[in-house]
Amino acid sequence: MTDSAAPLLELADVSKSFGKVVVADSLSLRVGGGDMIGIVGPNGAGKTTLFSLISGDLPPDSGEIRIGGTVVNRQGTAARCRLGIGRTYQVPRPFGDMTVFENLLVAAQQGGGLRRRPSYAAAVQALERTGIESQANTPAERLGLLQRKRLELARALATQPTLLLLDEVAGGLTDPEVAQLVEIVRGVNAEGIAVIWIEHVVRALTAVVSRLICLAGGTFVGDGEPGTVLADPAVREVFLGTEVTAALAGGTMDAPPAAAEDGERSEP
């Protein structure tokens, strides 16, 4: 049973190592309903591992993960999904021989635990939220990159999440496509769904998030208002070797596009 007064998500001193490599070092984080949080950091910083700990793909070595006040350390991905955790992955892998709508039904039924009319309604709503109604009957294998990214987002939304974890959904897209994606995410958050968004395309984050966290070496080195975080010397130091633009009035910073998707997957 969840506690209505508790944060939507809470990490309390969560740690994870692979051998001698520490990928999460006593991380603590509180996320409330409707929050919009961006996470940046260099490749190998532990960003995708953080999502895997939250979603249940990986168990923590120590600390507690709570959803609505309930400790979920021993619960897997299916149980956490039904508690309201929806997640996208960097490389979309839909069921290629299924249509877009069939992919969403699977997500609603197997991920969200919905049946019959509620699952169809959730699938239709996900189509509308992501603007892919016209592709509903298209086999997923025929979609281009932007549409696959939208389908990946739609599949997560079809589970009816209260917290949405977005992992590099803007990677590989053109500027106009990123702008379209930003508007979709803004609309989802406006409906009350909390969002944590990992992204190398930092301008996408600064367009929508109210809180920015920098993760490096398995620890949080910056957490706060985006412009303030991006101006922090400790944050700028972890981006050495990247082209940094400090137009802090807009709070922007451009990280290199190369390896945005594949690099993050190289984490332990």
C-alpha atoms as a PDB file:
ATOM      1  CA  MET A   1       0.000   0.000   0.000  1.00  0.00           C
ATOM      2  CA  THR A   2       1.397   3.397  -0.984  1.00  0.00           C
ATOM      3  CA  ASP A   3       1.519   6.520   1.159  1.00  0.00           C
ATOM      4  CA  SER A   4      -0.281   9.410  -0.547  1.00  0.00           C
ATOM      5  CA  ALA A   5       1.906  11.897   1.348  1.00  0.00           C
ATOM      6  CA  ALA A   6       5.150  10.266   0.226  1.00  0.00           C
ATOM      7  CA  PRO A   7       7.193  11.414  -2.782  1.00  0.00           C
ATOM      8  CA  LEU A   8       6.349   9.717  -6.062  1.00  0.00           C
ATOM      9  CA  LEU A   9       9.895   8.305  -6.137  1.00  0.00           C
ATOM     10  CA  GLU A  10      12.622   8.316  -3.535  1.00  0.00           C
ATOM     11  CA  LEU A  11      16.157   6.947  -3.666  1.00  0.00           C
ATOM     12  CA  ALA A  12      17.900   6.745  -0.294  1.00  0.00           C
ATOM     13  CA  ASP A  13      21.675   6.155  -0.409  1.00  0.00           C
ATOM     14  CA  VAL A  14      21.397   3.790  -3.385  1.00  0.00           C
ATOM     15  CA  SER A  15      24.654   2.191  -4.525  1.00  0.00           C
ATOM     16  CA  LYS A  16      25.560  -0.195  -7.325  1.00  0.00           C
ATOM     17  CA  SER A  17      28.909  -1.616  -8.433  1.00  0.00           C
ATOM     18  CA  PHE A  18      30.113  -4.009 -11.094  1.00  0.00           C
ATOM     19  CA  GLY A  19      33.257  -5.485  -9.626  1.00  0.00           C
ATOM     20  CA  LYS A  20      35.474  -2.544  -8.732  1.00  0.00           C
ATOM     21  CA  VAL A  21      33.539  -0.136 -10.948  1.00  0.00           C
ATOM     22  CA  VAL A  22      31.111   1.994  -8.940  1.00  0.00           C
ATOM     23  CA  VAL A  23      28.218   3.149 -11.137  1.00  0.00           C
ATOM     24  CA  ALA A  24      25.967   4.526  -8.379  1.00  0.00           C
ATOM     25  CA  ASP A  25      27.546   5.865  -5.222  1.00  0.00           C
ATOM     26  CA  SER A  26      25.054   6.502  -2.379  1.00  0.00           C
ATOM     27  CA  LEU A  27      22.602   8.334  -4.639  1.00  0.00           C
ATOM     28  CA  SER A  28      19.656  10.087  -2.984  1.00  0.00           C
ATOM     29  CA  LEU A  29      16.819  11.632  -4.977  1.00  0.00           C
ATOM     30  CA  ARG A  30      13.220  12.711  -4.364  1.00  0.00           C
ATOM     31  CA  VAL A  31      10.718  13.177  -7.196  1.00  0.00           C
ATOM     32  CA  GLY A  32       7.235  14.598  -6.670  1.00  0.00           C
ATOM     33  CA  GLY A  33       4.131  14.290  -8.782  1.00  0.00           C
ATOM     34  CA  GLY A  34       4.326  16.393 -11.950  1.00  0.00           C
ATOM     35  CA  ASP A  35       8.050  17.154 -11.594  1.00  0.00           C
ATOM     36  CA  MET A  36      10.085  17.726 -14.760  1.00  0.00           C
ATOM     37  CA  ILE A  37      13.744  16.809 -14.245  1.00  0.00           C
ATOM     38  CA  GLY A  38      16.602  16.607 -16.723  1.00  0.00           C
ATOM     39  CA  ILE A  39      19.764  14.548 -16.228  1.00  0.00           C
ATOM     40  CA  VAL A  40      23.021  15.236 -18.038  1.00  0.00           C
ATOM     41  CA  GLY A  41      26.500  13.810 -17.754  1.00  0.00           C
ATOM     42  CA  PRO A  42      29.316  12.330 -19.809  1.00  0.00           C
ATOM     43  CA  ASN A  43      29.169   8.858 -21.347  1.00  0.00           C
ATOM     44  CA  GLY A  44      29.749   6.198 -18.727  1.00  0.00           C
ATOM     45  CA  ALA A  45      28.533   8.461 -15.914  1.00  0.00           C
ATOM     46  CA  GLY A  46      25.907   5.974 -14.724  1.00  0.00           C
ATOM     47  CA  LYS A  47      22.815   7.622 -16.199  1.00  0.00           C
ATOM     48  CA  THR A  48      21.277   4.558 -17.832  1.00  0.00           C
ATOM     49  CA  THR A  49      22.246   2.491 -14.784  1.00  0.00           C
ATOM     50  CA  LEU A  50      20.265   4.948 -12.650  1.00  0.00           C
ATOM     51  CA  PHE A  51      17.184   4.309 -14.778  1.00  0.00           C
ATOM     52  CA  SER A  52      17.750   0.561 -14.587  1.00  0.00           C
ATOM     53  CA  LEU A  53      17.823   0.783 -10.791  1.00  0.00           C
ATOM     54  CA  ILE A  54      14.598   2.807 -10.728  1.00  0.00           C
ATOM     55  CA  SER A  55      12.735   0.621 -13.237  1.00  0.00           C
ATOM     56  CA  GLY A  56      13.854  -2.697 -11.751  1.00  0.00           C
ATOM     57  CA  ASP A  57      16.173  -3.882 -14.506  1.00  0.00           C
ATOM     58  CA  LEU A  58      18.976  -3.885 -11.912  1.00  0.00           C
ATOM     59  CA  PRO A  59      18.850  -4.455  -8.136  1.00  0.00           C
ATOM     60  CA  PRO A  60      20.758  -2.027  -5.885  1.00  0.00           C
ATOM     61  CA  ASP A  61      23.645  -3.316  -3.795  1.00  0.00           C
ATOM     62  CA  SER A  62      22.546  -1.114  -0.893  1.00  0.00           C
ATOM     63  CA  GLY A  63      20.104   1.656  -0.048  1.00  0.00           C
ATOM     64  CA  GLU A  64      16.373   1.812  -0.682  1.00  0.00           C
ATOM     65  CA  ILE A  65      14.201   2.640  -3.684  1.00  0.00           C
ATOM     66  CA  ARG A  66      10.664   3.704  -2.760  1.00  0.00           C
ATOM     67  CA  ILE A  67       7.687   4.289  -5.022  1.00  0.00           C
ATOM     68  CA  GLY A  68       4.902   6.138  -3.258  1.00  0.00           C
ATOM     69  CA  GLY A  69       6.534   5.289   0.058  1.00  0.00           C
ATOM     70  CA  THR A  70       6.743   1.542  -0.664  1.00  0.00           C
ATOM     71  CA  VAL A  71      10.194  -0.056  -0.744  1.00  0.00           C
ATOM     72  CA  VAL A  72      10.518  -1.845  -4.096  1.00  0.00           C
ATOM     73  CA  ASN A  73      14.116  -3.143  -3.973  1.00  0.00           C
ATOM     74  CA  ARG A  74      12.971  -6.727  -4.489  1.00  0.00           C
ATOM     75  CA  GLN A  75      10.288  -5.977  -7.057  1.00  0.00           C
ATOM     76  CA  GLY A  76      10.982  -6.477 -10.752  1.00  0.00           C
ATOM     77  CA  THR A  77      10.172  -4.375 -13.782  1.00  0.00           C
ATOM     78  CA  ALA A  78       6.604  -5.653 -14.222  1.00  0.00           C
ATOM     79  CA  ALA A  79       5.631  -4.838 -10.651  1.00  0.00           C
ATOM     80  CA  ARG A  80       7.220  -1.396 -10.803  1.00  0.00           C
ATOM     81  CA  CYS A  81       5.545  -0.668 -14.127  1.00  0.00           C
ATOM     82  CA  ARG A  82       2.176  -1.367 -12.511  1.00  0.00           C
ATOM     83  CA  LEU A  83       3.138   0.984  -9.688  1.00  0.00           C
ATOM     84  CA  GLY A  84       3.453   3.735 -12.294  1.00  0.00           C
ATOM     85  CA  ILE A  85       7.021   3.604 -13.654  1.00  0.00           C
ATOM     86  CA  GLY A  86       7.146   3.907 -17.456  1.00  0.00           C
ATOM     87  CA  ARG A  87      10.452   3.794 -19.310  1.00  0.00           C
ATOM     88  CA  THR A  88      11.873   4.271 -22.790  1.00  0.00           C
ATOM     89  CA  TYR A  89      15.175   2.822 -24.005  1.00  0.00           C
ATOM     90  CA  GLN A  90      17.881   4.528 -26.044  1.00  0.00           C
ATOM     91  CA  VAL A  91      17.529   2.205 -29.027  1.00  0.00           C
ATOM     92  CA  PRO A  92      13.849   1.548 -29.814  1.00  0.00           C
ATOM     93  CA  ARG A  93      13.152  -2.142 -30.275  1.00  0.00           C
ATOM     94  CA  PRO A  94       9.454  -2.467 -31.080  1.00  0.00           C
ATOM     95  CA  PHE A  95       7.889  -5.712 -32.202  1.00  0.00           C
ATOM     96  CA  GLY A  96       8.677  -5.160 -35.871  1.00  0.00           C
ATOM     97  CA  ASP A  97       6.102  -7.520 -37.332  1.00  0.00           C
ATOM     98  CA  MET A  98       3.315  -5.966 -35.263  1.00  0.00           C
ATOM     99  CA  THR A  99       1.512  -2.778 -36.152  1.00  0.00           C
ATOM    100  CA  VAL A 100       2.028   0.377 -34.138  1.00  0.00           C
ATOM    101  CA  PHE A 101      -1.350  -0.111 -32.457  1.00  0.00           C
ATOM    102  CA  GLU A 102      -0.608  -3.741 -31.624  1.00  0.00           C
ATOM    103  CA  ASN A 103       2.659  -2.657 -30.001  1.00  0.00           C
ATOM    104  CA  LEU A 104       0.702  -0.248 -27.825  1.00  0.00           C
ATOM    105  CA  LEU A 105      -1.859  -2.888 -26.861  1.00  0.00           C
ATOM    106  CA  VAL A 106       0.944  -5.173 -25.701  1.00  0.00           C
ATOM    107  CA  ALA A 107       2.358  -2.339 -23.598  1.00  0.00           C
ATOM    108  CA  ALA A 108      -1.034  -1.502 -22.090  1.00  0.00           C
ATOM    109  CA  GLN A 109      -1.916  -5.104 -21.329  1.00  0.00           C
ATOM    110  CA  GLN A 110       1.412  -6.657 -20.364  1.00  0.00           C
ATOM    111  CA  GLY A 111       3.042  -3.564 -18.916  1.00  0.00           C
ATOM    112  CA  GLY A 112       0.096  -1.671 -17.500  1.00  0.00           C
ATOM    113  CA  GLY A 113      -2.000  -4.711 -16.565  1.00  0.00           C
ATOM    114  CA  LEU A 114      -5.026  -3.345 -18.429  1.00  0.00           C
ATOM    115  CA  ARG A 115      -7.617  -5.513 -20.163  1.00  0.00           C
ATOM    116  CA  ARG A 116     -10.111  -5.141 -23.006  1.00  0.00           C
ATOM    117  CA  ARG A 117     -11.664  -1.667 -23.290  1.00  0.00           C
ATOM    118  CA  PRO A 118      -9.249   0.057 -20.853  1.00  0.00           C
ATOM    119  CA  SER A 119      -6.245  -1.307 -22.788  1.00  0.00           C
ATOM    120  CA  TYR A 120      -7.680  -0.109 -26.106  1.00  0.00           C
ATOM    121  CA  ALA A 121      -8.399   3.302 -24.591  1.00  0.00           C
ATOM    122  CA  ALA A 122      -4.839   3.548 -23.254  1.00  0.00           C
ATOM    123  CA  ALA A 123      -3.423   2.605 -26.667  1.00  0.00           C
ATOM    124  CA  VAL A 124      -5.555   5.196 -28.448  1.00  0.00           C
ATOM    125  CA  GLN A 125      -4.583   7.875 -25.934  1.00  0.00           C
ATOM    126  CA  ALA A 126      -0.883   7.059 -26.418  1.00  0.00           C
ATOM    127  CA  LEU A 127      -1.306   7.380 -30.196  1.00  0.00           C
ATOM    128  CA  GLU A 128      -2.908  10.785 -29.780  1.00  0.00           C
ATOM    129  CA  ARG A 129      -0.383  12.064 -27.255  1.00  0.00           C
ATOM    130  CA  THR A 130       2.546  11.246 -29.556  1.00  0.00           C
ATOM    131  CA  GLY A 131       0.931  12.230 -32.845  1.00  0.00           C
ATOM    132  CA  ILE A 132       1.249   8.874 -34.601  1.00  0.00           C
ATOM    133  CA  GLU A 133      -2.432   8.132 -35.210  1.00  0.00           C
ATOM    134  CA  SER A 134      -1.832   7.923 -38.964  1.00  0.00           C
ATOM    135  CA  GLN A 135       0.689   5.104 -38.423  1.00  0.00           C
ATOM    136  CA  ALA A 136      -1.622   3.016 -36.215  1.00  0.00           C
ATOM    137  CA  ASN A 137      -1.888   0.201 -38.766  1.00  0.00           C
ATOM    138  CA  THR A 138       1.695   0.428 -40.028  1.00  0.00           C
ATOM    139  CA  PRO A 139       4.084  -2.420 -39.160  1.00  0.00           C
ATOM    140  CA  ALA A 140       6.643  -1.017 -36.719  1.00  0.00           C
ATOM    141  CA  GLU A 141       9.541  -2.273 -38.849  1.00  0.00           C
ATOM    142  CA  ARG A 142       8.571   0.237 -41.566  1.00  0.00           C
ATOM    143  CA  LEU A 143       8.877   3.304 -39.355  1.00  0.00           C
ATOM    144  CA  GLY A 144      11.652   5.880 -39.690  1.00  0.00           C
ATOM    145  CA  LEU A 145      13.767   6.962 -36.725  1.00  0.00           C
ATOM    146  CA  LEU A 146      11.507   9.812 -35.571  1.00  0.00           C
ATOM    147  CA  GLN A 147       8.413   7.627 -35.709  1.00  0.00           C
ATOM    148  CA  ARG A 148      10.219   4.815 -33.880  1.00  0.00           C
ATOM    149  CA  LYS A 149      11.179   7.283 -31.172  1.00  0.00           C
ATOM    150  CA  ARG A 150       7.563   8.387 -30.929  1.00  0.00           C
ATOM    151  CA  LEU A 151       6.421   4.774 -30.774  1.00  0.00           C
ATOM    152  CA  GLU A 152       8.928   4.085 -27.985  1.00  0.00           C
ATOM    153  CA  LEU A 153       7.491   7.017 -26.058  1.00  0.00           C
ATOM    154  CA  ALA A 154       3.934   5.912 -26.861  1.00  0.00           C
ATOM    155  CA  ARG A 155       4.612   2.388 -25.583  1.00  0.00           C
ATOM    156  CA  ALA A 156       5.764   3.812 -22.252  1.00  0.00           C
ATOM    157  CA  LEU A 157       2.702   6.066 -22.073  1.00  0.00           C
ATOM    158  CA  ALA A 158       0.343   3.175 -22.847  1.00  0.00           C
ATOM    159  CA  THR A 159       1.284   1.639 -19.483  1.00  0.00           C
ATOM    160  CA  GLN A 160      -0.411   4.650 -17.824  1.00  0.00           C
ATOM    161  CA  PRO A 161       2.636   5.850 -15.855  1.00  0.00           C
ATOM    162  CA  THR A 162       2.757   8.455 -13.123  1.00  0.00           C
ATOM    163  CA  LEU A 163       6.537   8.742 -13.638  1.00  0.00           C
ATOM    164  CA  LEU A 164       8.064   8.578 -17.113  1.00  0.00           C
ATOM    165  CA  LEU A 165      11.778   7.819 -17.585  1.00  0.00           C
ATOM    166  CA  LEU A 166      13.056   9.078 -20.954  1.00  0.00           C
ATOM    167  CA  ASP A 167      16.450   7.758 -22.041  1.00  0.00           C
ATOM    168  CA  GLU A 168      18.020   9.644 -24.965  1.00  0.00           C
ATOM    169  CA  VAL A 169      14.786   9.959 -26.943  1.00  0.00           C
ATOM    170  CA  ALA A 170      16.182  12.949 -28.886  1.00  0.00           C
ATOM    171  CA  GLY A 171      19.373  11.180 -29.977  1.00  0.00           C
ATOM    172  CA  GLY A 172      19.838  11.093 -33.754  1.00  0.00           C
ATOM    173  CA  LEU A 173      17.004  13.500 -34.526  1.00  0.00           C
ATOM    174  CA  THR A 174      17.213  16.730 -36.510  1.00  0.00           C
ATOM    175  CA  ASP A 175      16.581  20.088 -34.816  1.00  0.00           C
ATOM    176  CA  PRO A 176      12.974  20.316 -36.099  1.00  0.00           C
ATOM    177  CA  GLU A 177      12.344  16.743 -34.948  1.00  0.00           C
ATOM    178  CA  VAL A 178      13.790  17.535 -31.511  1.00  0.00           C
ATOM    179  CA  ALA A 179      11.471  20.548 -31.300  1.00  0.00           C
ATOM    180  CA  GLN A 180       8.469  18.317 -32.056  1.00  0.00           C
ATOM    181  CA  LEU A 181       9.567  15.854 -29.398  1.00  0.00           C
ATOM    182  CA  VAL A 182       9.986  18.625 -26.827  1.00  0.00           C
ATOM    183  CA  GLU A 183       6.397  19.722 -27.416  1.00  0.00           C
ATOM    184  CA  ILE A 184       5.136  16.166 -26.922  1.00  0.00           C
ATOM    185  CA  VAL A 185       7.039  15.790 -23.649  1.00  0.00           C
ATOM    186  CA  ARG A 186       5.855  19.197 -22.471  1.00  0.00           C
ATOM    187  CA  GLY A 187       2.266  18.155 -23.138  1.00  0.00           C
ATOM    188  CA  VAL A 188       2.686  14.861 -21.282  1.00  0.00           C
ATOM    189  CA  ASN A 189       4.099  16.662 -18.250  1.00  0.00           C
ATOM    190  CA  ALA A 190       1.298  19.247 -18.395  1.00  0.00           C
ATOM    191  CA  GLU A 191      -1.146  16.371 -17.871  1.00  0.00           C
ATOM    192  CA  GLY A 192       0.483  15.696 -14.496  1.00  0.00           C
ATOM    193  CA  ILE A 193       2.915  12.919 -15.406  1.00  0.00           C
ATOM    194  CA  ALA A 194       6.303  13.391 -13.754  1.00  0.00           C
ATOM    195  CA  VAL A 195       9.260  13.103 -16.140  1.00  0.00           C
ATOM    196  CA  ILE A 196      12.949  12.349 -15.657  1.00  0.00           C
ATOM    197  CA  TRP A 197      14.758  12.854 -18.967  1.00  0.00           C
ATOM    198  CA  ILE A 198      18.334  11.760 -19.682  1.00  0.00           C
ATOM    199  CA  GLU A 199      19.627  13.583 -22.737  1.00  0.00           C
ATOM    200  CA  HIS A 200      22.833  14.546 -24.535  1.00  0.00           C
ATOM    201  CA  VAL A 201      20.876  17.093 -26.580  1.00  0.00           C
ATOM    202  CA  VAL A 202      20.960  19.530 -23.668  1.00  0.00           C
ATOM    203  CA  ARG A 203      19.032  22.270 -25.455  1.00  0.00           C
ATOM    204  CA  ALA A 204      16.049  19.902 -25.476  1.00  0.00           C
ATOM    205  CA  LEU A 205      16.211  19.626 -21.701  1.00  0.00           C
ATOM    206  CA  THR A 206      16.655  23.317 -21.010  1.00  0.00           C
ATOM    207  CA  ALA A 207      13.554  24.025 -23.109  1.00  0.00           C
ATOM    208  CA  VAL A 208      11.287  22.134 -20.713  1.00  0.00           C
ATOM    209  CA  VAL A 209      12.846  21.120 -17.392  1.00  0.00           C
ATOM    210  CA  SER A 210      12.677  23.157 -14.200  1.00  0.00           C
ATOM    211  CA  ARG A 211      15.374  21.106 -12.468  1.00  0.00           C
ATOM    212  CA  LEU A 212      18.626  19.808 -13.916  1.00  0.00           C
ATOM    213  CA  ILE A 213      20.907  17.175 -12.384  1.00  0.00           C
ATOM    214  CA  CYS A 214      24.439  16.374 -13.530  1.00  0.00           C
ATOM    215  CA  LEU A 215      25.613  12.816 -12.905  1.00  0.00           C
ATOM    216  CA  ALA A 216      29.295  11.925 -13.195  1.00  0.00           C
ATOM    217  CA  GLY A 217      31.212   8.967 -11.845  1.00  0.00           C
ATOM    218  CA  GLY A 218      28.101   7.599 -10.205  1.00  0.00           C
ATOM    219  CA  THR A 219      27.502  10.733  -8.104  1.00  0.00           C
ATOM    220  CA  PHE A 220      25.401  13.883  -8.463  1.00  0.00           C
ATOM    221  CA  VAL A 221      27.720  16.854  -9.020  1.00  0.00           C
ATOM    222  CA  GLY A 222      25.008  19.435  -9.705  1.00  0.00           C
ATOM    223  CA  ASP A 223      21.306  19.719  -8.917  1.00  0.00           C
ATOM    224  CA  GLY A 224      19.101  22.764  -9.307  1.00  0.00           C
ATOM    225  CA  GLU A 225      17.823  25.381 -11.738  1.00  0.00           C
ATOM    226  CA  PRO A 226      19.217  24.574 -15.215  1.00  0.00           C
ATOM    227  CA  GLY A 227      21.142  27.810 -15.801  1.00  0.00           C
ATOM    228  CA  THR A 228      22.742  27.634 -12.369  1.00  0.00           C
ATOM    229  CA  VAL A 229      23.756  23.999 -12.798  1.00  0.00           C
ATOM    230  CA  LEU A 230      25.258  24.585 -16.239  1.00  0.00           C
ATOM    231  CA  ALA A 231      27.284  27.512 -14.870  1.00  0.00           C
ATOM    232  CA  ASP A 232      28.681  25.434 -11.994  1.00  0.00           C
ATOM    233  CA  PRO A 233      32.463  24.911 -12.435  1.00  0.00           C
ATOM    234  CA  ALA A 234      32.176  21.314 -11.210  1.00  0.00           C
ATOM    235  CA  VAL A 235      29.560  20.570 -13.859  1.00  0.00           C
ATOM    236  CA  ARG A 236      31.519  22.297 -16.606  1.00  0.00           C
ATOM    237  CA  GLU A 237      34.616  20.331 -15.628  1.00  0.00           C
ATOM    238  CA  VAL A 238      32.947  16.982 -16.311  1.00  0.00           C
ATOM    239  CA  PHE A 239      32.151  18.229 -19.806  1.00  0.00           C
ATOM    240  CA  LEU A 240      35.786  19.042 -20.631  1.00  0.00           C
ATOM    241  CA  GLY A 241      36.530  17.876 -24.136  1.00  0.00           C
ATOM    242  CA  THR A 242      33.042  18.814 -25.325  1.00  0.00           C
ATOM    243  CA  GLU A 243      32.075  22.033 -27.008  1.00  0.00           C
ATOM    244  CA  VAL A 244      30.427  24.051 -24.279  1.00  0.00           C
ATOM    245  CA  THR A 245      28.467  27.202 -25.000  1.00  0.00           C
ATOM    246  CA  ALA A 246      27.632  29.186 -21.891  1.00  0.00           C
ATOM    247  CA  ALA A 247      24.684  31.205 -23.106  1.00  0.00           C
ATOM    248  CA  LEU A 248      23.491  31.109 -19.549  1.00  0.00           C
ATOM    249  CA  ALA A 249      20.644  33.492 -20.107  1.00  0.00           C
ATOM    250  CA  GLY A 250      19.027  30.583 -21.899  1.00  0.00           C
ATOM    251  CA  GLY A 251      20.916  27.983 -19.892  1.00  0.00           C
ATOM    252  CA  THR A 252      22.183  26.021 -22.885  1.00  0.00           C
ATOM    253  CA  MET A 253      25.100  23.732 -23.422  1.00  0.00           C
ATOM    254  CA  ASP A 254      25.800  21.683 -26.525  1.00  0.00           C
ATOM    255  CA  ALA A 255      27.314  18.255 -25.999  1.00  0.00           C
ATOM    256  CA  PRO A 256      28.818  16.427 -28.986  1.00  0.00           C
ATOM    257  CA  PRO A 257      26.271  14.432 -31.000  1.00  0.00           C
ATOM    258  CA  ALA A 258      28.631  11.510 -31.609  1.00  0.00           C
ATOM    259  CA  ALA A 259      28.011   8.342 -29.585  1.00  0.00           C
ATOM    260  CA  ALA A 260      24.951   9.818 -27.887  1.00  0.00           C
ATOM    261  CA  GLU A 261      23.124   6.513 -28.148  1.00  0.00           C
ATOM    262  CA  ASP A 262      25.818   3.880 -28.427  1.00  0.00           C
ATOM    263  CA  GLY A 263      28.130   5.474 -25.882  1.00  0.00           C
ATOM    264  CA  GLU A 264      25.603   5.342 -23.097  1.00  0.00           C
ATOM    265  CA  ARG A 265      24.924   1.681 -23.768  1.00  0.00           C
ATOM    266  CA  SER A 266      28.580   0.940 -23.091  1.00  0.00           C
ATOM    267  CA  GLU A 267      28.011   1.518 -19.392  1.00  0.00           C
ATOM    268  CA  PRO A 268      28.389  -1.554 -17.210  1.00  0.00           C
END
